[in-house]
Amino acid sequence: MKSTRFVTICFVYSGTILLAQGAFLFESPIAIITQIGVGLSILGTGLLRLYKPEEYERKPTEYGPLAYAMATLALVLTALFLAQVVVF
C-alpha cells in the first residue's frame, strides 16, 4: 500500500471514530461540540486528500513520521472509544 493512501485512510478513520465518540459522549455540550468539530475537520482533511491525491504526493521517505503518528492516533482513538463504550 502506498504511504499516501495509508495516511489518507488513517485520516478518514480517525475522523469517523471521533464523530462516533461525540455521539456516545455524555458530558457537557461544549465537550460534545468540540469533539464533533475536531472529528469533522480530520474527516474533511481525509476526504480532501481522497479527492485530490496528486496534491499530497510526496516521496515515501517523507511520510515516515506522519504515517507512524496517524497509525498511533488511530489505535489510541479506537482504544479510547472501546473503553468509553464498555464503561457506559
Protein backbone atom coordinates (compact mmCIF):
# COMPACT_ATOMS: atom_id res chain seq x y z
CA MET A 1 0.00 0.00 0.00
CA LYS A 2 1.26 3.46 -0.84
CA SER A 3 2.07 5.62 2.15
CA THR A 4 -0.16 8.41 0.80
CA ARG A 5 -3.16 6.09 0.73
CA PHE A 6 -2.38 4.73 4.22
CA VAL A 7 -2.22 8.21 5.76
CA THR A 8 -5.43 9.22 3.99
CA ILE A 9 -7.24 6.13 5.29
CA CYS A 10 -5.98 6.93 8.79
CA PHE A 11 -7.37 10.48 8.50
CA VAL A 12 -10.79 9.22 7.42
CA TYR A 13 -10.85 6.50 10.09
CA SER A 14 -9.77 8.86 12.89
CA GLY A 15 -12.37 11.45 11.90
CA THR A 16 -15.08 8.82 11.83
CA ILE A 17 -14.09 7.47 15.26
CA LEU A 18 -14.10 10.99 16.72
CA LEU A 19 -17.59 11.60 15.35
CA ALA A 20 -18.79 8.29 16.78
CA GLN A 21 -17.25 9.22 20.13
CA GLY A 22 -19.14 12.50 20.03
CA ALA A 23 -22.37 10.54 19.70
CA PHE A 24 -21.55 8.49 22.82
CA LEU A 25 -20.11 11.39 24.82
CA PHE A 26 -22.43 12.25 27.70
CA GLU A 27 -20.65 15.26 29.13
CA SER A 28 -21.02 18.98 28.70
CA PRO A 29 -22.34 20.36 25.43
CA ILE A 30 -19.07 22.22 24.88
CA ALA A 31 -17.14 18.93 25.01
CA ILE A 32 -19.53 17.33 22.53
CA ILE A 33 -19.33 20.30 20.14
CA THR A 34 -15.53 20.33 20.37
CA GLN A 35 -15.32 16.58 19.78
CA ILE A 36 -17.57 16.76 16.74
CA GLY A 37 -15.71 19.81 15.39
CA VAL A 38 -12.35 18.06 15.59
CA GLY A 39 -13.83 14.91 14.06
CA LEU A 40 -15.31 16.87 11.16
CA SER A 41 -12.04 18.69 10.49
CA ILE A 42 -9.98 15.47 10.47
CA LEU A 43 -12.59 13.68 8.36
CA GLY A 44 -12.72 16.66 5.98
CA THR A 45 -8.94 16.57 5.61
CA GLY A 46 -9.09 12.87 4.79
CA LEU A 47 -11.85 13.36 2.23
CA LEU A 48 -9.95 16.24 0.66
CA ARG A 49 -6.90 14.00 0.40
CA LEU A 50 -9.08 11.36 -1.31
CA TYR A 51 -10.47 13.94 -3.74
CA LYS A 52 -7.07 15.42 -4.74
CA PRO A 53 -4.42 12.76 -4.09
CA GLU A 54 -1.89 14.25 -6.52
CA GLU A 55 -1.64 17.36 -4.35
CA TYR A 56 -0.37 15.31 -1.42
CA GLU A 57 2.06 13.05 -3.29
CA ARG A 58 5.49 13.07 -1.70
CA LYS A 59 8.46 10.81 -1.57
CA PRO A 60 7.74 7.71 0.55
CA THR A 61 10.64 8.61 2.86
CA GLU A 62 8.92 11.88 3.81
CA TYR A 63 5.88 10.02 5.14
CA GLY A 64 7.70 8.10 7.89
CA PRO A 65 6.83 10.19 10.96
CA LEU A 66 3.39 11.21 9.66
CA ALA A 67 2.42 7.62 8.88
CA TYR A 68 3.52 6.40 12.31
CA ALA A 69 1.75 9.29 14.04
CA MET A 70 -1.51 8.68 12.16
CA ALA A 71 -1.38 4.93 12.85
CA THR A 72 -0.77 5.63 16.55
CA LEU A 73 -3.61 8.17 16.61
CA ALA A 74 -5.98 5.66 15.03
CA LEU A 75 -5.03 2.97 17.56
CA VAL A 76 -5.37 5.31 20.56
CA LEU A 77 -8.73 6.64 19.38
CA THR A 78 -10.01 3.11 18.86
CA ALA A 79 -8.88 2.06 22.35
CA LEU A 80 -10.49 5.14 23.92
CA PHE A 81 -13.73 4.60 22.01
CA LEU A 82 -13.95 0.95 23.04
CA ALA A 83 -13.18 1.83 26.65
CA GLN A 84 -15.86 4.51 26.56
CA VAL A 85 -18.44 2.07 25.16
CA VAL A 86 -17.59 -0.58 27.79
CA VAL A 87 -17.77 1.89 30.70
CA PHE A 88 -21.11 3.38 29.66
